[in-house]
Amino acid sequence: MVELLRTNDPVRLSFLQAVLTDAGIESVVLDAFSAAVDGSIGAVQRRLAVLEEDLPAAQRLLKEIGEAW
């Protein structure tokens, strides 16, 4: 798995995971537990990761929906 993006926004993560799933791209949220443990200070960002071979397609998809950085 390779990192696609980092964010502290759980709603954005959920949305992006749904978009990726609809496109047939498997994804996983990393560091969710650590981010939850740190409370509301936001020191640890959650990371959205995809398989390395899916990275180019995932990046294109995020760019198409206006979620590219």
N, C-alpha and C. Protein backbone atom coordinates (compact mmCIF):
# COMPACT_ATOMS: atom_id res chain seq x y z
N MET A 1 0.84 -1.18 0.00
CA MET A 1 0.00 0.00 0.00
C MET A 1 0.89 1.25 0.00
N VAL A 2 0.45 2.25 -0.74
CA VAL A 2 1.16 3.53 -0.78
C VAL A 2 0.18 4.64 -0.43
N GLU A 3 0.72 5.67 0.17
CA GLU A 3 -0.11 6.79 0.61
C GLU A 3 -0.63 7.59 -0.57
N LEU A 4 -1.92 7.85 -0.54
CA LEU A 4 -2.56 8.68 -1.56
C LEU A 4 -2.72 10.11 -1.04
N LEU A 5 -3.12 10.25 0.22
CA LEU A 5 -3.26 11.58 0.83
C LEU A 5 -3.34 11.46 2.33
N ARG A 6 -3.19 12.61 3.00
CA ARG A 6 -3.32 12.71 4.46
C ARG A 6 -4.36 13.77 4.78
N THR A 7 -5.14 13.52 5.82
CA THR A 7 -6.12 14.50 6.26
C THR A 7 -6.57 14.18 7.68
N ASN A 8 -7.08 15.20 8.35
CA ASN A 8 -7.70 15.03 9.66
C ASN A 8 -9.22 14.99 9.55
N ASP A 9 -9.74 15.06 8.34
CA ASP A 9 -11.19 15.14 8.11
C ASP A 9 -11.77 13.75 7.85
N PRO A 10 -12.44 13.15 8.85
CA PRO A 10 -12.98 11.80 8.67
C PRO A 10 -14.11 11.73 7.63
N VAL A 11 -14.82 12.82 7.46
CA VAL A 11 -15.89 12.84 6.45
C VAL A 11 -15.29 12.80 5.05
N ARG A 12 -14.24 13.57 4.83
CA ARG A 12 -13.55 13.56 3.54
C ARG A 12 -12.99 12.17 3.25
N LEU A 13 -12.39 11.55 4.26
CA LEU A 13 -11.85 10.20 4.09
C LEU A 13 -12.93 9.21 3.69
N SER A 14 -14.04 9.28 4.37
CA SER A 14 -15.15 8.37 4.07
C SER A 14 -15.65 8.58 2.64
N PHE A 15 -15.80 9.84 2.24
CA PHE A 15 -16.25 10.16 0.89
C PHE A 15 -15.27 9.62 -0.15
N LEU A 16 -13.97 9.88 0.08
CA LEU A 16 -12.96 9.45 -0.90
C LEU A 16 -12.87 7.93 -0.97
N GLN A 17 -13.01 7.26 0.15
CA GLN A 17 -13.01 5.80 0.13
C GLN A 17 -14.20 5.28 -0.68
N ALA A 18 -15.36 5.91 -0.53
CA ALA A 18 -16.54 5.49 -1.29
C ALA A 18 -16.34 5.71 -2.78
N VAL A 19 -15.75 6.84 -3.15
CA VAL A 19 -15.47 7.13 -4.56
C VAL A 19 -14.51 6.09 -5.13
N LEU A 20 -13.45 5.80 -4.38
CA LEU A 20 -12.47 4.81 -4.84
C LEU A 20 -13.11 3.42 -4.97
N THR A 21 -13.92 3.04 -3.99
CA THR A 21 -14.58 1.74 -4.03
C THR A 21 -15.50 1.64 -5.24
N ASP A 22 -16.25 2.70 -5.51
CA ASP A 22 -17.13 2.71 -6.68
C ASP A 22 -16.36 2.54 -7.98
N ALA A 23 -15.10 2.99 -7.99
CA ALA A 23 -14.25 2.87 -9.18
C ALA A 23 -13.50 1.54 -9.20
N GLY A 24 -13.71 0.71 -8.18
CA GLY A 24 -13.05 -0.59 -8.13
C GLY A 24 -11.63 -0.54 -7.60
N ILE A 25 -11.33 0.52 -6.87
CA ILE A 25 -9.98 0.69 -6.30
C ILE A 25 -10.04 0.44 -4.80
N GLU A 26 -9.29 -0.55 -4.35
CA GLU A 26 -9.25 -0.88 -2.93
C GLU A 26 -8.43 0.17 -2.18
N SER A 27 -8.93 0.57 -1.01
CA SER A 27 -8.19 1.55 -0.20
C SER A 27 -8.32 1.19 1.27
N VAL A 28 -7.42 1.78 2.06
CA VAL A 28 -7.44 1.55 3.50
C VAL A 28 -7.01 2.85 4.18
N VAL A 29 -7.59 3.11 5.36
CA VAL A 29 -7.20 4.28 6.15
C VAL A 29 -6.18 3.82 7.19
N LEU A 30 -5.01 4.43 7.14
CA LEU A 30 -3.95 4.12 8.08
C LEU A 30 -3.90 5.19 9.18
N ASP A 31 -3.47 4.82 10.34
CA ASP A 31 -3.30 5.72 11.49
C ASP A 31 -4.61 6.21 12.08
N ALA A 32 -5.71 5.55 11.79
CA ALA A 32 -7.00 5.97 12.34
C ALA A 32 -7.01 5.86 13.86
N PHE A 33 -6.46 4.77 14.39
CA PHE A 33 -6.43 4.59 15.84
C PHE A 33 -5.56 5.65 16.51
N SER A 34 -4.38 5.86 15.96
CA SER A 34 -3.46 6.86 16.54
C SER A 34 -4.08 8.25 16.51
N ALA A 35 -4.76 8.57 15.43
CA ALA A 35 -5.40 9.88 15.31
C ALA A 35 -6.53 10.02 16.33
N ALA A 36 -7.25 8.93 16.58
CA ALA A 36 -8.33 8.97 17.55
C ALA A 36 -7.79 9.12 18.97
N VAL A 37 -6.68 8.48 19.25
CA VAL A 37 -6.08 8.52 20.58
C VAL A 37 -5.57 9.92 20.91
N ASP A 38 -5.06 10.64 19.91
CA ASP A 38 -4.50 11.97 20.19
C ASP A 38 -5.59 13.00 20.49
N GLY A 39 -6.84 12.61 20.35
CA GLY A 39 -7.95 13.51 20.66
C GLY A 39 -8.16 14.53 19.57
N SER A 40 -8.48 15.73 19.96
CA SER A 40 -8.86 16.75 18.98
C SER A 40 -7.71 17.68 18.61
N ILE A 41 -6.48 17.36 19.01
CA ILE A 41 -5.38 18.28 18.70
C ILE A 41 -4.90 18.14 17.26
N GLY A 42 -5.21 17.03 16.60
CA GLY A 42 -4.89 16.87 15.19
C GLY A 42 -3.42 16.66 14.90
N ALA A 43 -2.68 16.13 15.86
CA ALA A 43 -1.24 15.94 15.66
C ALA A 43 -0.94 14.80 14.69
N VAL A 44 -1.82 13.81 14.66
CA VAL A 44 -1.62 12.65 13.77
C VAL A 44 -2.70 12.67 12.71
N GLN A 45 -2.30 12.76 11.47
CA GLN A 45 -3.26 12.74 10.37
C GLN A 45 -3.51 11.31 9.92
N ARG A 46 -4.73 11.06 9.50
CA ARG A 46 -5.06 9.76 8.92
C ARG A 46 -4.54 9.75 7.48
N ARG A 47 -4.09 8.57 7.03
CA ARG A 47 -3.56 8.44 5.67
C ARG A 47 -4.45 7.49 4.88
N LEU A 48 -4.81 7.90 3.70
CA LEU A 48 -5.56 7.05 2.78
C LEU A 48 -4.55 6.40 1.85
N ALA A 49 -4.56 5.07 1.80
CA ALA A 49 -3.58 4.34 1.00
C ALA A 49 -4.28 3.42 0.01
N VAL A 50 -3.61 3.19 -1.11
CA VAL A 50 -4.10 2.29 -2.15
C VAL A 50 -2.96 1.36 -2.55
N LEU A 51 -3.28 0.32 -3.29
CA LEU A 51 -2.24 -0.55 -3.82
C LEU A 51 -1.37 0.24 -4.78
N GLU A 52 -0.10 -0.09 -4.81
CA GLU A 52 0.84 0.66 -5.63
C GLU A 52 0.42 0.69 -7.10
N GLU A 53 -0.08 -0.43 -7.59
CA GLU A 53 -0.49 -0.47 -8.99
C GLU A 53 -1.76 0.35 -9.27
N ASP A 54 -2.52 0.68 -8.23
CA ASP A 54 -3.73 1.49 -8.38
C ASP A 54 -3.48 2.98 -8.19
N LEU A 55 -2.28 3.35 -7.76
CA LEU A 55 -1.99 4.75 -7.45
C LEU A 55 -2.25 5.70 -8.61
N PRO A 56 -1.76 5.45 -9.83
CA PRO A 56 -2.02 6.40 -10.92
C PRO A 56 -3.52 6.58 -11.20
N ALA A 57 -4.28 5.49 -11.18
CA ALA A 57 -5.72 5.59 -11.42
C ALA A 57 -6.41 6.35 -10.29
N ALA A 58 -5.99 6.11 -9.06
CA ALA A 58 -6.58 6.80 -7.90
C ALA A 58 -6.28 8.29 -7.96
N GLN A 59 -5.05 8.64 -8.32
CA GLN A 59 -4.69 10.06 -8.43
C GLN A 59 -5.49 10.75 -9.53
N ARG A 60 -5.66 10.08 -10.67
CA ARG A 60 -6.48 10.65 -11.75
C ARG A 60 -7.91 10.87 -11.30
N LEU A 61 -8.46 9.87 -10.61
CA LEU A 61 -9.84 9.96 -10.15
C LEU A 61 -10.02 11.13 -9.18
N LEU A 62 -9.12 11.29 -8.23
CA LEU A 62 -9.22 12.39 -7.29
C LEU A 62 -9.11 13.73 -8.00
N LYS A 63 -8.24 13.80 -9.00
CA LYS A 63 -8.10 15.04 -9.77
C LYS A 63 -9.39 15.34 -10.52
N GLU A 64 -10.02 14.32 -11.09
CA GLU A 64 -11.27 14.50 -11.84
C GLU A 64 -12.39 15.03 -10.97
N ILE A 65 -12.43 14.65 -9.70
CA ILE A 65 -13.51 15.10 -8.83
C ILE A 65 -13.13 16.33 -8.01
N GLY A 66 -11.97 16.91 -8.33
CA GLY A 66 -11.57 18.14 -7.64
C GLY A 66 -10.96 17.95 -6.28
N GLU A 67 -10.46 16.76 -6.02
CA GLU A 67 -9.86 16.47 -4.71
C GLU A 67 -8.35 16.35 -4.79
N ALA A 68 -7.77 16.73 -5.90
CA ALA A 68 -6.31 16.68 -6.03
C ALA A 68 -5.70 17.87 -5.32
N TRP A 69 -4.51 17.71 -4.88
CA TRP A 69 -3.82 18.80 -4.17
C TRP A 69 -2.72 19.36 -5.01
